[in-house]
C-alpha atoms as a PDB file:
ATOM      1  CA  MET A   1       0.056   0.079   0.158  1.00  0.00           C
ATOM      2  CA  LYS A   2       2.796   2.229   0.803  1.00  0.00           C
ATOM      3  CA  ARG A   3       4.567   1.564  -2.256  1.00  0.00           C
ATOM      4  CA  PHE A   4       1.200   2.447  -4.216  1.00  0.00           C
ATOM      5  CA  ILE A   5       0.828   5.783  -2.481  1.00  0.00           C
ATOM      6  CA  LEU A   6       4.722   6.763  -3.152  1.00  0.00           C
ATOM      7  CA  SER A   7       4.418   5.991  -6.751  1.00  0.00           C
ATOM      8  CA  THR A   8       0.986   7.855  -7.405  1.00  0.00           C
ATOM      9  CA  CYS A   9       2.432  10.934  -5.670  1.00  0.00           C
ATOM     10  CA  CYS A  10       5.451  10.995  -7.542  1.00  0.00           C
ATOM     11  CA  ALA A  11       3.646  10.481 -11.067  1.00  0.00           C
ATOM     12  CA  ALA A  12       1.251  13.476  -9.935  1.00  0.00           C
ATOM     13  CA  ILE A  13       4.330  15.698  -8.868  1.00  0.00           C
ATOM     14  CA  PHE A  14       6.102  14.617 -12.529  1.00  0.00           C
ATOM     15  CA  ALA A  15       2.895  15.514 -14.136  1.00  0.00           C
ATOM     16  CA  VAL A  16       2.358  19.014 -12.644  1.00  0.00           C
ATOM     17  CA  GLY A  17       6.104  19.844 -13.233  1.00  0.00           C
ATOM     18  CA  PHE A  18       5.743  18.558 -16.842  1.00  0.00           C
ATOM     19  CA  LEU A  19       2.646  20.789 -17.498  1.00  0.00           C
ATOM     20  CA  ALA A  20       3.845  23.858 -15.705  1.00  0.00           C
ATOM     21  CA  SER A  21       7.230  23.754 -17.358  1.00  0.00           C
ATOM     22  CA  PRO A  22       8.551  27.340 -18.647  1.00  0.00           C
ATOM     23  CA  ASN A  23       9.354  25.660 -21.947  1.00  0.00           C
ATOM     24  CA  SER A  24       5.613  24.815 -22.598  1.00  0.00           C
ATOM     25  CA  ALA A  25       3.185  26.883 -25.191  1.00  0.00           C
ATOM     26  CA  THR A  26       1.785  30.098 -24.313  1.00  0.00           C
ATOM     27  CA  ALA A  27      -2.087  31.066 -24.042  1.00  0.00           C
ATOM     28  CA  SER A  28      -1.877  32.145 -27.773  1.00  0.00           C
ATOM     29  CA  GLY A  29      -0.392  28.807 -29.071  1.00  0.00           C
ATOM     30  CA  HIS A  30       2.869  29.638 -30.020  1.00  0.00           C
ATOM     31  CA  GLN A  31       6.436  30.177 -28.570  1.00  0.00           C
ATOM     32  CA  PRO A  32       7.869  33.306 -27.225  1.00  0.00           C
ATOM     33  CA  ARG A  33      10.370  34.746 -29.377  1.00  0.00           C
ATOM     34  CA  CYS A  34      13.908  34.975 -28.074  1.00  0.00           C
ATOM     35  CA  ASP A  35      16.542  36.931 -30.356  1.00  0.00           C
ATOM     36  CA  PRO A  36      20.086  36.652 -29.655  1.00  0.00           C
ATOM     37  CA  PRO A  37      21.531  39.824 -28.103  1.00  0.00           C
ATOM     38  CA  ARG A  38      23.153  42.016 -30.807  1.00  0.00           C
ATOM     39  CA  TYR A  39      26.659  43.752 -30.272  1.00  0.00           C
ATOM     40  CA  GLU A  40      27.779  47.091 -32.470  1.00  0.00           C
ATOM     41  CA  TRP A  41      30.980  49.332 -32.257  1.00  0.00           C
ATOM     42  CA  VAL A  42      30.269  52.585 -30.752  1.00  0.00           C
ATOM     43  CA  LEU A  43      32.329  55.512 -30.873  1.00  0.00           C
ATOM     44  CA  ASN A  44      32.645  57.046 -27.224  1.00  0.00           C
ATOM     45  CA  TYR A  45      34.870  60.016 -25.950  1.00  0.00           C
ATOM     46  CA  GLU A  46      36.806  59.889 -22.687  1.00  0.00           C
ATOM     47  CA  SER A  47      38.571  62.466 -20.815  1.00  0.00           C
ATOM     48  CA  ARG A  48      41.930  61.838 -19.753  1.00  0.00           C
ATOM     49  CA  ARG A  49      44.624  63.972 -17.785  1.00  0.00           C
ATOM     50  CA  GLU A  50      47.709  64.494 -20.027  1.00  0.00           C
ATOM     51  CA  ALA A  51      51.302  65.727 -18.358  1.00  0.00           C
ATOM     52  CA  TYR A  52      53.374  68.117 -20.283  1.00  0.00           C
ATOM     53  CA  ARG A  53      56.604  69.938 -19.213  1.00  0.00           C
ATOM     54  CA  THR A  54      57.129  73.768 -19.627  1.00  0.00           C
ATOM     55  CA  ARG A  55      59.750  75.900 -18.781  1.00  0.00           C
ATOM     56  CA  GLU A  56      59.315  78.970 -16.721  1.00  0.00           C
ATOM     57  CA  THR A  57      61.380  81.838 -15.805  1.00  0.00           C
ATOM     58  CA  ARG A  58      61.082  82.696 -12.024  1.00  0.00           C
ATOM     59  CA  CYS A  59      63.093  85.158  -9.758  1.00  0.00           C
ATOM     60  CA  ASP A  60      64.747  84.599  -6.557  1.00  0.00           C
ATOM     61  CA  GLU A  61      64.641  86.914  -3.335  1.00  0.00           C
ATOM     62  CA  CYS A  62      67.640  88.807  -4.667  1.00  0.00           C
ATOM     63  CA  GLY A  63      65.814  89.654  -8.222  1.00  0.00           C
ATOM     64  CA  ARG A  64      68.123  87.357 -10.450  1.00  0.00           C
ATOM     65  CA  ARG A  65      66.190  85.022 -12.873  1.00  0.00           C
ATOM     66  CA  TYR A  66      66.332  81.446 -13.464  1.00  0.00           C
ATOM     67  CA  THR A  67      64.669  78.859 -15.285  1.00  0.00           C
ATOM     68  CA  VAL A  68      62.847  76.031 -13.891  1.00  0.00           C
ATOM     69  CA  GLU A  69      61.171  72.888 -15.871  1.00  0.00           C
ATOM     70  CA  VAL A  70      57.530  72.643 -14.787  1.00  0.00           C
ATOM     71  CA  THR A  71      55.072  69.647 -14.807  1.00  0.00           C
ATOM     72  CA  GLN A  72      51.535  70.742 -15.879  1.00  0.00           C
ATOM     73  CA  TYR A  73      48.357  68.722 -16.507  1.00  0.00           C
ATOM     74  CA  ARG A  74      45.751  69.507 -19.287  1.00  0.00           C
ATOM     75  CA  THR A  75      42.398  67.334 -20.056  1.00  0.00           C
ATOM     76  CA  VAL A  76      42.112  65.876 -23.232  1.00  0.00           C
ATOM     77  CA  ARG A  77      39.128  64.180 -24.789  1.00  0.00           C
ATOM     78  CA  VAL A  78      40.264  60.962 -26.561  1.00  0.00           C
ATOM     79  CA  PRO A  79      37.914  59.018 -29.218  1.00  0.00           C
ATOM     80  CA  VAL A  80      37.689  55.086 -27.882  1.00  0.00           C
ATOM     81  CA  TRP A  81      35.930  52.572 -29.713  1.00  0.00           C
ATOM     82  CA  GLN A  82      33.822  50.213 -27.614  1.00  0.00           C
ATOM     83  CA  TYR A  83      31.902  46.916 -28.457  1.00  0.00           C
ATOM     84  CA  VAL A  84      28.724  47.393 -26.649  1.00  0.00           C
ATOM     85  CA  ARG A  85      25.318  45.421 -26.484  1.00  0.00           C
ATOM     86  CA  VAL A  86      22.403  46.860 -28.329  1.00  0.00           C
ATOM     87  CA  ARG A  87      18.900  45.798 -27.544  1.00  0.00           C
END
């Protein structure tokens, strides 16, 4: 008797799982459409800090001139190609 009840419960669980599977047809009678993702190359711009060196003329406390090499920074927009997903 135990074996009969156990096999009946297993059969019922299997049937419910099979009928309610996510791959079953929808109410309209056809499968849902799943397109593969599409990728494209896109040109974006990034801002980067770039170092450059200049020479400056300065004066000391006695009024004598001297030159100094100074590192300065500027922001540059750089084009970057990226491979992105498109809907």
